[in-house]
């Protein structure tokens, strides 16, 4: 089961989601999308919250208000963190999450610590949490199927992009060939080099015997 929320402070709204328990979190770690941003309360147990970026969007493009939504949601879904003030929230792209067989269920590491960002939440903001909870929707999801379908669509897009590029290259090559061919005929059709029958006959009359 996956719980979805919408950050409606931006238009169109951005999707935020999390697993219902640590086992579902394990599946999200495995079948997350490259355009997902992962959030967690630093150094204490909490939900794993994800923000799905829009096509072409980067982490630097995410409005601070949306980051605040994610931070408040992950804090509210931490037994310890929800009671604490001045908690740190760590976040990074899903592709930076590292999972090894020796780790406990729901535990995760990072490929690069430099790619992990941190923000501080002074205290819980009920207005934000309540607004997000009004958009809450729980779904039974086949995460593997969703990821595989997403990957298929991305491959199709890439194939279409490469085909368009090849077609453009062929069209440009054809134009270059036609231009080169036209240039090669230019000396033949220069007016000063062209002759008529009149030019070959000095008196302009036929000579019969």
N, C-alpha and C. Protein backbone atom coordinates (compact mmCIF):
# COMPACT_ATOMS: atom_id res chain seq x y z
N UNK A 1 0.85 -1.20 0.00
CA UNK A 1 0.00 0.00 0.00
C UNK A 1 0.89 1.25 0.00
N UNK A 2 0.49 2.20 -0.83
CA UNK A 2 1.22 3.45 -0.92
C UNK A 2 0.26 4.60 -0.61
N UNK A 3 0.74 5.55 0.21
CA UNK A 3 -0.07 6.71 0.58
C UNK A 3 0.39 7.91 -0.25
N UNK A 4 -0.55 8.53 -0.95
CA UNK A 4 -0.24 9.66 -1.81
C UNK A 4 -0.80 10.96 -1.22
N UNK A 5 -0.05 12.04 -1.43
CA UNK A 5 -0.47 13.38 -1.04
C UNK A 5 -0.22 14.31 -2.23
N UNK A 6 -0.84 15.47 -2.18
CA UNK A 6 -0.59 16.48 -3.21
C UNK A 6 -0.17 17.79 -2.55
N UNK A 7 0.93 18.35 -3.03
CA UNK A 7 1.34 19.67 -2.59
C UNK A 7 0.68 20.67 -3.53
N UNK A 8 -0.45 21.23 -3.09
CA UNK A 8 -1.26 22.07 -3.95
C UNK A 8 -0.90 23.55 -3.86
N UNK A 9 0.22 23.85 -3.23
CA UNK A 9 0.66 25.24 -3.17
C UNK A 9 1.35 25.66 -4.46
N UNK A 10 1.56 24.69 -5.36
CA UNK A 10 2.09 24.98 -6.70
C UNK A 10 1.08 24.45 -7.72
N UNK A 11 1.15 24.98 -8.92
CA UNK A 11 0.24 24.55 -9.98
C UNK A 11 1.05 24.16 -11.21
N UNK A 12 0.85 22.92 -11.73
CA UNK A 12 -0.02 21.89 -11.16
C UNK A 12 0.57 21.32 -9.87
N UNK A 13 -0.26 20.69 -9.04
CA UNK A 13 0.23 20.14 -7.77
C UNK A 13 1.34 19.11 -7.99
N UNK A 14 2.22 19.00 -7.01
CA UNK A 14 3.28 18.00 -7.06
C UNK A 14 2.91 16.83 -6.16
N UNK A 15 3.28 15.63 -6.59
CA UNK A 15 2.91 14.41 -5.88
C UNK A 15 3.96 14.05 -4.83
N UNK A 16 3.47 13.76 -3.63
CA UNK A 16 4.31 13.28 -2.52
C UNK A 16 3.73 11.93 -2.09
N UNK A 17 4.60 10.97 -1.79
CA UNK A 17 4.06 9.67 -1.37
C UNK A 17 5.00 8.97 -0.39
N UNK A 18 4.47 7.96 0.27
CA UNK A 18 5.25 7.17 1.21
C UNK A 18 4.60 5.81 1.39
N UNK A 19 5.37 4.85 1.90
CA UNK A 19 4.85 3.52 2.17
C UNK A 19 4.09 3.48 3.49
N UNK A 20 3.21 2.51 3.63
CA UNK A 20 2.42 2.41 4.86
C UNK A 20 3.24 1.83 6.02
N UNK A 21 4.32 1.11 5.70
CA UNK A 21 5.15 0.53 6.75
C UNK A 21 6.57 0.34 6.21
N UNK A 22 7.45 -0.21 7.05
CA UNK A 22 8.85 -0.35 6.64
C UNK A 22 9.03 -1.35 5.51
N UNK A 23 8.12 -2.31 5.40
CA UNK A 23 8.23 -3.30 4.33
C UNK A 23 7.85 -2.67 2.99
N UNK A 24 6.85 -1.80 3.03
CA UNK A 24 6.50 -1.08 1.82
C UNK A 24 7.60 -0.08 1.46
N UNK A 25 8.24 0.49 2.48
CA UNK A 25 9.38 1.37 2.23
C UNK A 25 10.50 0.64 1.50
N UNK A 26 10.67 -0.63 1.88
CA UNK A 26 11.69 -1.45 1.23
C UNK A 26 11.41 -1.58 -0.27
N UNK A 27 10.13 -1.74 -0.61
CA UNK A 27 9.75 -1.84 -2.01
C UNK A 27 9.95 -0.51 -2.73
N UNK A 28 9.68 0.59 -2.05
CA UNK A 28 9.88 1.90 -2.66
C UNK A 28 11.35 2.17 -2.92
N UNK A 29 12.20 1.73 -2.02
CA UNK A 29 13.65 1.87 -2.23
C UNK A 29 14.07 1.09 -3.48
N UNK A 30 13.48 -0.08 -3.66
CA UNK A 30 13.83 -0.95 -4.77
C UNK A 30 13.27 -0.46 -6.09
N UNK A 31 12.02 0.00 -6.07
CA UNK A 31 11.33 0.33 -7.32
C UNK A 31 11.03 1.82 -7.47
N UNK A 32 11.83 2.66 -6.84
CA UNK A 32 11.65 4.10 -6.99
C UNK A 32 12.00 4.57 -8.40
N UNK A 33 11.67 5.80 -8.69
CA UNK A 33 11.94 6.38 -10.01
C UNK A 33 13.11 7.34 -9.94
N UNK A 34 13.88 7.47 -11.00
CA UNK A 34 15.03 8.40 -10.99
C UNK A 34 14.63 9.84 -10.70
N UNK A 35 13.38 10.22 -11.00
CA UNK A 35 12.94 11.58 -10.75
C UNK A 35 12.31 11.78 -9.37
N UNK A 36 12.52 10.81 -8.47
CA UNK A 36 11.99 10.92 -7.11
C UNK A 36 13.05 11.47 -6.16
N UNK A 37 12.59 12.30 -5.23
CA UNK A 37 13.45 12.82 -4.16
C UNK A 37 13.03 12.16 -2.86
N UNK A 38 13.99 11.63 -2.14
CA UNK A 38 13.74 10.88 -0.90
C UNK A 38 13.98 11.78 0.31
N UNK A 39 13.08 11.71 1.31
CA UNK A 39 13.19 12.50 2.55
C UNK A 39 13.12 11.58 3.76
N UNK A 40 13.89 11.95 4.80
CA UNK A 40 13.88 11.16 6.05
C UNK A 40 14.36 12.06 7.18
N UNK A 41 13.83 11.84 8.37
CA UNK A 41 14.34 12.56 9.54
C UNK A 41 15.74 12.04 9.85
N UNK A 42 16.67 12.94 10.06
CA UNK A 42 18.06 12.55 10.28
C UNK A 42 18.26 11.89 11.64
N UNK A 43 18.86 10.70 11.62
CA UNK A 43 19.32 10.00 12.82
C UNK A 43 18.21 9.42 13.71
N UNK A 44 16.97 9.54 13.30
CA UNK A 44 15.90 8.88 14.05
C UNK A 44 14.97 8.18 13.06
N UNK A 45 14.19 7.25 13.55
CA UNK A 45 13.27 6.50 12.70
C UNK A 45 12.14 7.40 12.21
N UNK A 46 11.80 7.23 10.94
CA UNK A 46 10.70 8.01 10.38
C UNK A 46 10.20 7.32 9.12
N UNK A 47 9.11 7.85 8.57
CA UNK A 47 8.64 7.38 7.28
C UNK A 47 9.65 7.77 6.21
N UNK A 48 9.61 7.06 5.09
CA UNK A 48 10.39 7.43 3.91
C UNK A 48 9.43 8.17 2.99
N UNK A 49 9.64 9.44 2.83
CA UNK A 49 8.75 10.27 2.02
C UNK A 49 9.43 10.60 0.70
N UNK A 50 8.65 10.53 -0.37
CA UNK A 50 9.19 10.79 -1.71
C UNK A 50 8.43 11.92 -2.39
N UNK A 51 9.16 12.74 -3.10
CA UNK A 51 8.57 13.79 -3.93
C UNK A 51 8.89 13.46 -5.39
N UNK A 52 7.86 13.43 -6.22
CA UNK A 52 8.08 13.11 -7.64
C UNK A 52 8.26 14.40 -8.43
N UNK A 53 9.44 14.56 -9.01
CA UNK A 53 9.71 15.75 -9.81
C UNK A 53 8.97 15.68 -11.13
N UNK A 54 8.74 16.85 -11.71
CA UNK A 54 8.11 16.92 -13.03
C UNK A 54 9.16 16.65 -14.10
N UNK A 55 8.72 16.28 -15.31
CA UNK A 55 9.69 16.04 -16.40
C UNK A 55 10.60 17.24 -16.62
N UNK A 56 11.88 16.99 -16.64
CA UNK A 56 12.86 18.06 -16.87
C UNK A 56 13.21 18.86 -15.63
N UNK A 57 12.52 18.63 -14.53
CA UNK A 57 12.78 19.38 -13.30
C UNK A 57 13.95 18.77 -12.53
N UNK A 58 14.74 19.61 -11.88
CA UNK A 58 15.84 19.15 -11.05
C UNK A 58 15.55 19.51 -9.60
N UNK A 59 16.36 18.99 -8.71
CA UNK A 59 16.16 19.27 -7.28
C UNK A 59 16.32 20.76 -7.00
N UNK A 60 17.19 21.42 -7.74
CA UNK A 60 17.39 22.86 -7.55
C UNK A 60 16.18 23.68 -7.97
N UNK A 61 15.30 23.07 -8.78
CA UNK A 61 14.11 23.79 -9.26
C UNK A 61 12.93 23.69 -8.30
N UNK A 62 13.01 22.83 -7.31
CA UNK A 62 11.87 22.60 -6.41
C UNK A 62 11.67 23.82 -5.51
N UNK A 63 10.48 24.41 -5.50
CA UNK A 63 10.23 25.56 -4.62
C UNK A 63 10.45 25.20 -3.15
N UNK A 64 10.94 26.15 -2.38
CA UNK A 64 11.20 25.89 -0.96
C UNK A 64 9.91 25.53 -0.22
N UNK A 65 8.78 26.06 -0.67
CA UNK A 65 7.50 25.75 -0.02
C UNK A 65 7.14 24.28 -0.18
N UNK A 66 7.50 23.68 -1.32
CA UNK A 66 7.24 22.25 -1.53
C UNK A 66 8.19 21.42 -0.67
N UNK A 67 9.43 21.86 -0.55
CA UNK A 67 10.37 21.17 0.34
C UNK A 67 9.87 21.22 1.78
N UNK A 68 9.29 22.34 2.17
CA UNK A 68 8.72 22.46 3.52
C UNK A 68 7.58 21.46 3.72
N UNK A 69 6.76 21.29 2.69
CA UNK A 69 5.67 20.31 2.78
C UNK A 69 6.22 18.92 3.05
N UNK A 70 7.24 18.54 2.29
CA UNK A 70 7.84 17.21 2.45
C UNK A 70 8.48 17.05 3.83
N UNK A 71 9.17 18.09 4.27
CA UNK A 71 9.84 18.04 5.57
C UNK A 71 8.83 17.91 6.71
N UNK A 72 7.74 18.67 6.62
CA UNK A 72 6.71 18.60 7.66
C UNK A 72 6.03 17.24 7.67
N UNK A 73 5.82 16.68 6.49
CA UNK A 73 5.16 15.37 6.39
C UNK A 73 6.03 14.27 6.98
N UNK A 74 7.33 14.30 6.69
CA UNK A 74 8.21 13.26 7.20
C UNK A 74 8.40 13.41 8.71
N UNK A 75 8.42 14.65 9.21
CA UNK A 75 8.52 14.87 10.66
C UNK A 75 7.26 14.36 11.36
N UNK A 76 6.09 14.65 10.77
CA UNK A 76 4.82 14.23 11.37
C UNK A 76 4.67 12.72 11.40
N UNK A 77 5.38 12.03 10.52
CA UNK A 77 5.31 10.58 10.46
C UNK A 77 6.55 9.92 11.06
N UNK A 78 7.08 10.56 12.09
CA UNK A 78 8.18 10.01 12.88
C UNK A 78 7.76 10.05 14.34
N UNK A 79 7.75 8.89 15.00
CA UNK A 79 7.31 8.83 16.39
C UNK A 79 8.16 9.74 17.27
N UNK A 80 9.49 9.67 17.08
CA UNK A 80 10.39 10.52 17.87
C UNK A 80 10.45 11.93 17.32
N UNK A 81 10.63 12.02 16.00
CA UNK A 81 10.81 13.32 15.37
C UNK A 81 9.62 14.24 15.52
N UNK A 82 8.42 13.67 15.58
CA UNK A 82 7.23 14.50 15.70
C UNK A 82 7.17 15.24 17.03
N UNK A 83 7.84 14.72 18.03
CA UNK A 83 7.82 15.34 19.36
C UNK A 83 8.98 16.31 19.57
N UNK A 84 9.91 16.33 18.62
CA UNK A 84 11.12 17.11 18.79
C UNK A 84 11.04 18.45 18.05
N UNK A 85 11.74 19.44 18.60
CA UNK A 85 11.93 20.70 17.89
C UNK A 85 13.33 20.71 17.28
N UNK A 86 13.49 21.54 16.28
CA UNK A 86 14.80 21.68 15.61
C UNK A 86 15.35 20.34 15.15
N UNK A 87 14.55 19.64 14.34
CA UNK A 87 15.03 18.37 13.77
C UNK A 87 15.57 18.62 12.37
N UNK A 88 16.55 17.82 12.01
CA UNK A 88 17.12 17.91 10.67
C UNK A 88 16.47 16.87 9.76
N UNK A 89 16.15 17.30 8.55
CA UNK A 89 15.60 16.42 7.53
C UNK A 89 16.65 16.26 6.43
N UNK A 90 16.97 15.03 6.11
CA UNK A 90 17.92 14.79 5.02
C UNK A 90 17.14 14.40 3.78
N UNK A 91 17.64 14.80 2.62
CA UNK A 91 16.97 14.45 1.37
C UNK A 91 17.98 14.36 0.23
N UNK A 92 17.67 13.49 -0.71
CA UNK A 92 18.55 13.26 -1.85
C UNK A 92 17.73 12.59 -2.96
N UNK A 93 18.31 12.50 -4.14
CA UNK A 93 17.63 11.82 -5.23
C UNK A 93 17.59 10.32 -4.96
N UNK A 94 16.51 9.69 -5.42
CA UNK A 94 16.36 8.24 -5.22
C UNK A 94 17.57 7.48 -5.75
N UNK A 95 18.14 7.93 -6.85
CA UNK A 95 19.27 7.22 -7.46
C UNK A 95 20.51 7.21 -6.56
N UNK A 96 20.52 8.05 -5.53
CA UNK A 96 21.66 8.09 -4.61
C UNK A 96 21.47 7.14 -3.43
N UNK A 97 20.32 6.49 -3.35
CA UNK A 97 20.08 5.57 -2.23
C UNK A 97 20.83 4.26 -2.46
N UNK A 98 21.44 3.78 -1.41
CA UNK A 98 22.23 2.54 -1.48
C UNK A 98 21.66 1.51 -0.51
N UNK A 99 21.38 0.33 -1.03
CA UNK A 99 20.83 -0.74 -0.20
C UNK A 99 21.69 -1.98 -0.33
N UNK A 100 22.13 -2.52 0.80
CA UNK A 100 22.93 -3.74 0.79
C UNK A 100 22.20 -4.84 1.57
N UNK A 101 22.60 -6.07 1.35
CA UNK A 101 21.94 -7.21 1.99
C UNK A 101 22.12 -7.20 3.50
N UNK A 102 23.17 -6.58 3.99
CA UNK A 102 23.42 -6.57 5.43
C UNK A 102 22.54 -5.57 6.18
N UNK A 103 21.86 -4.69 5.47
CA UNK A 103 21.03 -3.66 6.11
C UNK A 103 19.70 -4.22 6.56
N UNK A 104 19.17 -3.66 7.65
CA UNK A 104 17.86 -4.05 8.15
C UNK A 104 16.77 -3.57 7.21
N UNK A 105 15.58 -4.11 7.37
CA UNK A 105 14.42 -3.70 6.56
C UNK A 105 14.16 -2.21 6.78
N UNK A 106 14.06 -1.47 5.70
CA UNK A 106 13.81 -0.04 5.78
C UNK A 106 15.05 0.82 5.95
N UNK A 107 16.20 0.17 6.21
CA UNK A 107 17.45 0.92 6.36
C UNK A 107 18.06 1.19 5.00
N UNK A 108 18.70 2.34 4.87
CA UNK A 108 19.27 2.73 3.58
C UNK A 108 20.53 3.56 3.81
N UNK A 109 21.44 3.49 2.84
CA UNK A 109 22.64 4.32 2.87
C UNK A 109 22.70 5.16 1.60
N UNK A 110 23.88 5.73 1.33
CA UNK A 110 24.03 6.61 0.16
C UNK A 110 25.28 6.25 -0.62
N UNK A 111 25.19 6.39 -1.91
CA UNK A 111 26.37 6.23 -2.75
C UNK A 111 27.31 7.41 -2.57
N UNK A 112 26.75 8.60 -2.43
CA UNK A 112 27.56 9.81 -2.27
C UNK A 112 26.96 10.69 -1.18
N UNK A 113 27.71 10.88 -0.11
CA UNK A 113 27.25 11.76 0.97
C UNK A 113 27.17 13.21 0.50
N UNK A 114 27.97 13.56 -0.51
CA UNK A 114 27.98 14.94 -1.01
C UNK A 114 26.66 15.31 -1.68
N UNK A 115 25.93 14.29 -2.13
CA UNK A 115 24.66 14.56 -2.81
C UNK A 115 23.47 14.59 -1.84
N UNK A 116 23.75 14.42 -0.56
CA UNK A 116 22.70 14.46 0.46
C UNK A 116 22.57 15.89 1.00
N UNK A 117 21.36 16.41 0.96
CA UNK A 117 21.11 17.75 1.46
C UNK A 117 20.38 17.68 2.80
N UNK A 118 20.41 18.79 3.51
CA UNK A 118 19.82 18.81 4.85
C UNK A 118 19.07 20.12 5.06
N UNK A 119 17.94 20.03 5.72
CA UNK A 119 17.20 21.23 6.11
C UNK A 119 16.66 21.06 7.52
N UNK A 120 16.53 22.17 8.22
CA UNK A 120 16.08 22.10 9.61
C UNK A 120 14.62 22.51 9.72
N UNK A 121 13.89 21.75 10.55
CA UNK A 121 12.50 22.08 10.85
C UNK A 121 12.43 22.44 12.33
N UNK A 122 12.06 23.66 12.61
CA UNK A 122 12.03 24.13 14.00
C UNK A 122 10.95 23.42 14.82
N UNK A 123 9.76 23.33 14.23
CA UNK A 123 8.65 22.69 14.95
C UNK A 123 7.60 22.24 13.95
N UNK A 124 6.70 21.42 14.41
CA UNK A 124 5.62 20.93 13.56
C UNK A 124 4.68 22.08 13.20
N UNK A 125 4.26 22.11 11.94
CA UNK A 125 3.30 23.10 11.48
C UNK A 125 2.00 22.37 11.13
N UNK A 126 1.04 22.42 12.02
CA UNK A 126 -0.21 21.69 11.81
C UNK A 126 -0.96 22.14 10.57
N UNK A 127 -0.84 23.41 10.22
CA UNK A 127 -1.54 23.92 9.04
C UNK A 127 -1.06 23.19 7.78
N UNK A 128 0.24 22.97 7.69
CA UNK A 128 0.78 22.26 6.53
C UNK A 128 0.37 20.79 6.55
N UNK A 129 0.53 20.14 7.69
CA UNK A 129 0.21 18.72 7.81
C UNK A 129 -1.28 18.48 7.53
N UNK A 130 -2.14 19.33 8.08
CA UNK A 130 -3.58 19.17 7.87
C UNK A 130 -3.95 19.39 6.40
N UNK A 131 -3.31 20.37 5.76
CA UNK A 131 -3.59 20.62 4.34
C UNK A 131 -3.21 19.40 3.50
N UNK A 132 -2.07 18.81 3.78
CA UNK A 132 -1.62 17.63 3.03
C UNK A 132 -2.53 16.43 3.30
N UNK A 133 -2.94 16.27 4.57
CA UNK A 133 -3.79 15.13 4.92
C UNK A 133 -5.15 15.17 4.22
N UNK A 134 -5.60 16.37 3.85
CA UNK A 134 -6.87 16.50 3.14
C UNK A 134 -6.79 15.91 1.73
N UNK A 135 -5.57 15.79 1.22
CA UNK A 135 -5.38 15.23 -0.13
C UNK A 135 -4.98 13.76 -0.08
N UNK A 136 -4.91 13.19 1.11
CA UNK A 136 -4.40 11.84 1.31
C UNK A 136 -5.23 10.79 0.58
N UNK A 137 -4.52 9.88 -0.08
CA UNK A 137 -5.17 8.78 -0.80
C UNK A 137 -4.29 7.54 -0.71
N UNK A 138 -4.87 6.42 -0.27
CA UNK A 138 -4.13 5.17 -0.13
C UNK A 138 -4.48 4.23 -1.28
N UNK A 139 -3.44 3.68 -1.93
CA UNK A 139 -3.68 2.80 -3.08
C UNK A 139 -2.87 1.51 -2.95
N UNK A 140 -3.44 0.45 -3.48
CA UNK A 140 -2.72 -0.82 -3.62
C UNK A 140 -1.98 -0.74 -4.95
N UNK A 141 -0.66 -0.71 -4.92
CA UNK A 141 0.13 -0.49 -6.13
C UNK A 141 1.06 -1.66 -6.41
N UNK A 142 1.22 -1.98 -7.69
CA UNK A 142 2.26 -2.91 -8.13
C UNK A 142 3.45 -2.05 -8.52
N UNK A 143 4.34 -1.82 -7.56
CA UNK A 143 5.44 -0.88 -7.77
C UNK A 143 6.38 -1.32 -8.89
N UNK A 144 6.61 -2.63 -8.97
CA UNK A 144 7.48 -3.13 -10.03
C UNK A 144 6.87 -2.87 -11.41
N UNK A 145 5.59 -3.13 -11.56
CA UNK A 145 4.92 -2.92 -12.85
C UNK A 145 4.93 -1.44 -13.22
N UNK A 146 4.70 -0.57 -12.24
CA UNK A 146 4.71 0.87 -12.50
C UNK A 146 6.09 1.33 -12.96
N UNK A 147 7.13 0.81 -12.30
CA UNK A 147 8.49 1.20 -12.66
C UNK A 147 8.85 0.69 -14.06
N UNK A 148 8.47 -0.55 -14.36
CA UNK A 148 8.78 -1.11 -15.67
C UNK A 148 8.04 -0.37 -16.78
N UNK A 149 6.81 0.04 -16.53
CA UNK A 149 6.05 0.81 -17.52
C UNK A 149 6.68 2.18 -17.72
N UNK A 150 7.10 2.81 -16.63
CA UNK A 150 7.79 4.10 -16.73
C UNK A 150 9.06 3.98 -17.55
N UNK A 151 9.84 2.92 -17.29
CA UNK A 151 11.09 2.71 -18.03
C UNK A 151 10.82 2.46 -19.52
N UNK A 152 9.75 1.73 -19.82
CA UNK A 152 9.40 1.46 -21.22
C UNK A 152 9.06 2.76 -21.94
N UNK A 153 8.28 3.61 -21.28
CA UNK A 153 7.92 4.89 -21.88
C UNK A 153 9.14 5.75 -22.12
N UNK A 154 10.08 5.73 -21.18
CA UNK A 154 11.31 6.51 -21.35
C UNK A 154 12.14 5.98 -22.52
N UNK A 155 12.19 4.65 -22.67
CA UNK A 155 12.92 4.08 -23.81
C UNK A 155 12.27 4.47 -25.12
N UNK A 156 10.93 4.45 -25.15
CA UNK A 156 10.21 4.84 -26.37
C UNK A 156 10.48 6.30 -26.71
N UNK A 157 10.51 7.16 -25.71
CA UNK A 157 10.80 8.57 -25.93
C UNK A 157 12.21 8.75 -26.49
N UNK A 158 13.15 7.98 -25.93
CA UNK A 158 14.54 8.09 -26.38
C UNK A 158 14.68 7.60 -27.82
N UNK A 159 13.97 6.51 -28.15
CA UNK A 159 14.00 6.00 -29.52
C UNK A 159 13.43 7.02 -30.50
N UNK A 160 12.31 7.64 -30.11
CA UNK A 160 11.68 8.65 -30.96
C UNK A 160 12.60 9.86 -31.15
N UNK A 161 13.30 10.23 -30.08
CA UNK A 161 14.23 11.35 -30.15
C UNK A 161 15.39 11.04 -31.09
N UNK A 162 15.93 9.82 -30.99
CA UNK A 162 17.05 9.42 -31.85
C UNK A 162 16.61 9.33 -33.30
N UNK A 163 15.39 8.83 -33.54
CA UNK A 163 14.88 8.73 -34.91
C UNK A 163 14.72 10.12 -35.52
N UNK A 164 14.19 11.05 -34.73
CA UNK A 164 14.02 12.42 -35.20
C UNK A 164 15.37 13.04 -35.53
N UNK A 165 16.36 12.76 -34.71
CA UNK A 165 17.71 13.29 -34.93
C UNK A 165 18.31 12.72 -36.20
N UNK A 166 18.14 11.39 -36.40
CA UNK A 166 18.67 10.75 -37.62
C UNK A 166 17.98 11.30 -38.87
N UNK A 167 16.66 11.49 -38.79
CA UNK A 167 15.92 12.04 -39.93
C UNK A 167 16.39 13.45 -40.26
N UNK A 168 16.66 14.24 -39.24
CA UNK A 168 17.15 15.60 -39.46
C UNK A 168 18.53 15.58 -40.11
N UNK A 169 19.38 14.64 -39.65
CA UNK A 169 20.73 14.53 -40.22
C UNK A 169 20.66 14.11 -41.68
N UNK A 170 19.76 13.18 -42.02
CA UNK A 170 19.59 12.75 -43.41
C UNK A 170 19.11 13.90 -44.28
N UNK A 171 18.16 14.68 -43.77
CA UNK A 171 17.63 15.81 -44.52
C UNK A 171 18.70 16.87 -44.75
N UNK A 172 19.51 17.13 -43.74
CA UNK A 172 20.60 18.10 -43.88
C UNK A 172 21.65 17.61 -44.86
N UNK A 173 21.96 16.30 -44.82
CA UNK A 173 22.93 15.73 -45.76
C UNK A 173 22.41 15.83 -47.19
N UNK A 174 21.12 15.60 -47.38
CA UNK A 174 20.49 15.69 -48.71
C UNK A 174 20.58 17.12 -49.23
N UNK A 175 20.31 18.09 -48.37
CA UNK A 175 20.39 19.50 -48.78
C UNK A 175 21.82 19.88 -49.15
N UNK A 176 22.78 19.37 -48.40
CA UNK A 176 24.19 19.67 -48.70
C UNK A 176 24.59 19.08 -50.06
N UNK A 177 24.12 17.85 -50.33
CA UNK A 177 24.42 17.22 -51.62
C UNK A 177 23.80 17.99 -52.77
N UNK A 178 22.56 18.42 -52.60
CA UNK A 178 21.89 19.18 -53.65
C UNK A 178 22.57 20.52 -53.89
N UNK A 179 23.01 21.16 -52.80
CA UNK A 179 23.71 22.44 -52.93
C UNK A 179 25.05 22.25 -53.64
N UNK A 180 25.76 21.18 -53.29
CA UNK A 180 27.05 20.90 -53.94
C UNK A 180 26.86 20.59 -55.41
N UNK A 181 25.82 19.87 -55.75
CA UNK A 181 25.53 19.53 -57.14
C UNK A 181 25.20 20.78 -57.94
N UNK A 182 24.40 21.67 -57.34
CA UNK A 182 24.06 22.92 -58.02
C UNK A 182 25.29 23.76 -58.27
N UNK A 183 26.20 23.79 -57.31
CA UNK A 183 27.43 24.57 -57.49
C UNK A 183 28.30 23.99 -58.59
N UNK A 184 28.29 22.67 -58.75
CA UNK A 184 29.12 22.04 -59.77
C UNK A 184 28.65 22.35 -61.19
N UNK A 185 27.36 22.72 -61.36
CA UNK A 185 26.82 23.05 -62.68
C UNK A 185 26.90 24.54 -62.99
N UNK A 186 27.25 25.36 -62.07
CA UNK A 186 27.27 26.80 -62.28
C UNK A 186 28.16 27.23 -63.45
N UNK A 187 29.42 26.72 -63.62
CA UNK A 187 30.28 27.16 -64.75
C UNK A 187 29.66 26.83 -66.10
N UNK A 188 28.90 25.75 -66.18
CA UNK A 188 28.32 25.33 -67.46
C UNK A 188 27.29 26.33 -67.95
N UNK A 189 26.59 26.94 -67.04
CA UNK A 189 25.49 27.82 -67.40
C UNK A 189 25.84 29.30 -67.29
N UNK A 190 27.14 29.63 -67.24
CA UNK A 190 27.51 31.04 -67.23
C UNK A 190 27.19 31.66 -68.58
N UNK A 191 26.47 32.79 -68.68
CA UNK A 191 26.05 33.41 -69.95
C UNK A 191 27.21 33.68 -70.89
N UNK A 192 28.37 34.11 -70.36
CA UNK A 192 29.49 34.46 -71.22
C UNK A 192 30.12 33.25 -71.90
N UNK A 193 29.84 32.06 -71.37
CA UNK A 193 30.40 30.84 -71.96
C UNK A 193 29.41 30.13 -72.88
N UNK A 194 28.18 30.61 -72.91
CA UNK A 194 27.16 29.97 -73.73
C UNK A 194 27.18 30.51 -75.15
N UNK A 195 26.97 29.63 -76.19
CA UNK A 195 26.96 30.01 -77.60
C UNK A 195 25.67 29.56 -78.25
N UNK A 196 25.28 30.28 -79.32
CA UNK A 196 24.11 29.90 -80.11
C UNK A 196 24.55 29.58 -81.51
N UNK A 197 23.64 29.09 -82.36
CA UNK A 197 23.96 28.82 -83.77
C UNK A 197 24.40 30.08 -84.48
N UNK A 198 23.84 31.20 -84.08
CA UNK A 198 24.20 32.47 -84.69
C UNK A 198 25.64 32.81 -84.44
N UNK A 199 26.14 32.45 -83.27
CA UNK A 199 27.55 32.72 -82.95
C UNK A 199 28.48 31.92 -83.84
N UNK A 200 28.03 30.76 -84.33
CA UNK A 200 28.89 29.89 -85.15
C UNK A 200 28.82 30.25 -86.64
N UNK A 201 27.89 31.08 -87.08
CA UNK A 201 27.72 31.44 -88.51
C UNK A 201 28.01 32.92 -88.68
N UNK A 202 29.11 33.22 -89.40
CA UNK A 202 29.57 34.60 -89.49
C UNK A 202 28.60 35.50 -90.23
N UNK A 203 27.96 34.99 -91.33
CA UNK A 203 27.06 35.87 -92.08
C UNK A 203 25.60 35.54 -91.85
N UNK A 204 25.34 34.55 -91.01
CA UNK A 204 23.99 34.23 -90.66
C UNK A 204 23.20 33.56 -91.76
N UNK A 205 23.87 33.09 -92.89
CA UNK A 205 23.15 32.43 -93.99
C UNK A 205 23.68 31.03 -94.19
N UNK A 206 22.87 30.19 -94.83
CA UNK A 206 23.27 28.82 -95.10
C UNK A 206 24.08 28.80 -96.41
N UNK A 207 25.03 27.93 -96.51
CA UNK A 207 25.88 27.81 -97.69
C UNK A 207 25.57 26.50 -98.40
N UNK A 208 24.91 26.61 -99.57
CA UNK A 208 24.55 25.42 -100.33
C UNK A 208 25.42 25.31 -101.57
N UNK A 209 25.72 24.15 -102.02
CA UNK A 209 26.46 23.91 -103.24
C UNK A 209 25.48 23.53 -104.34
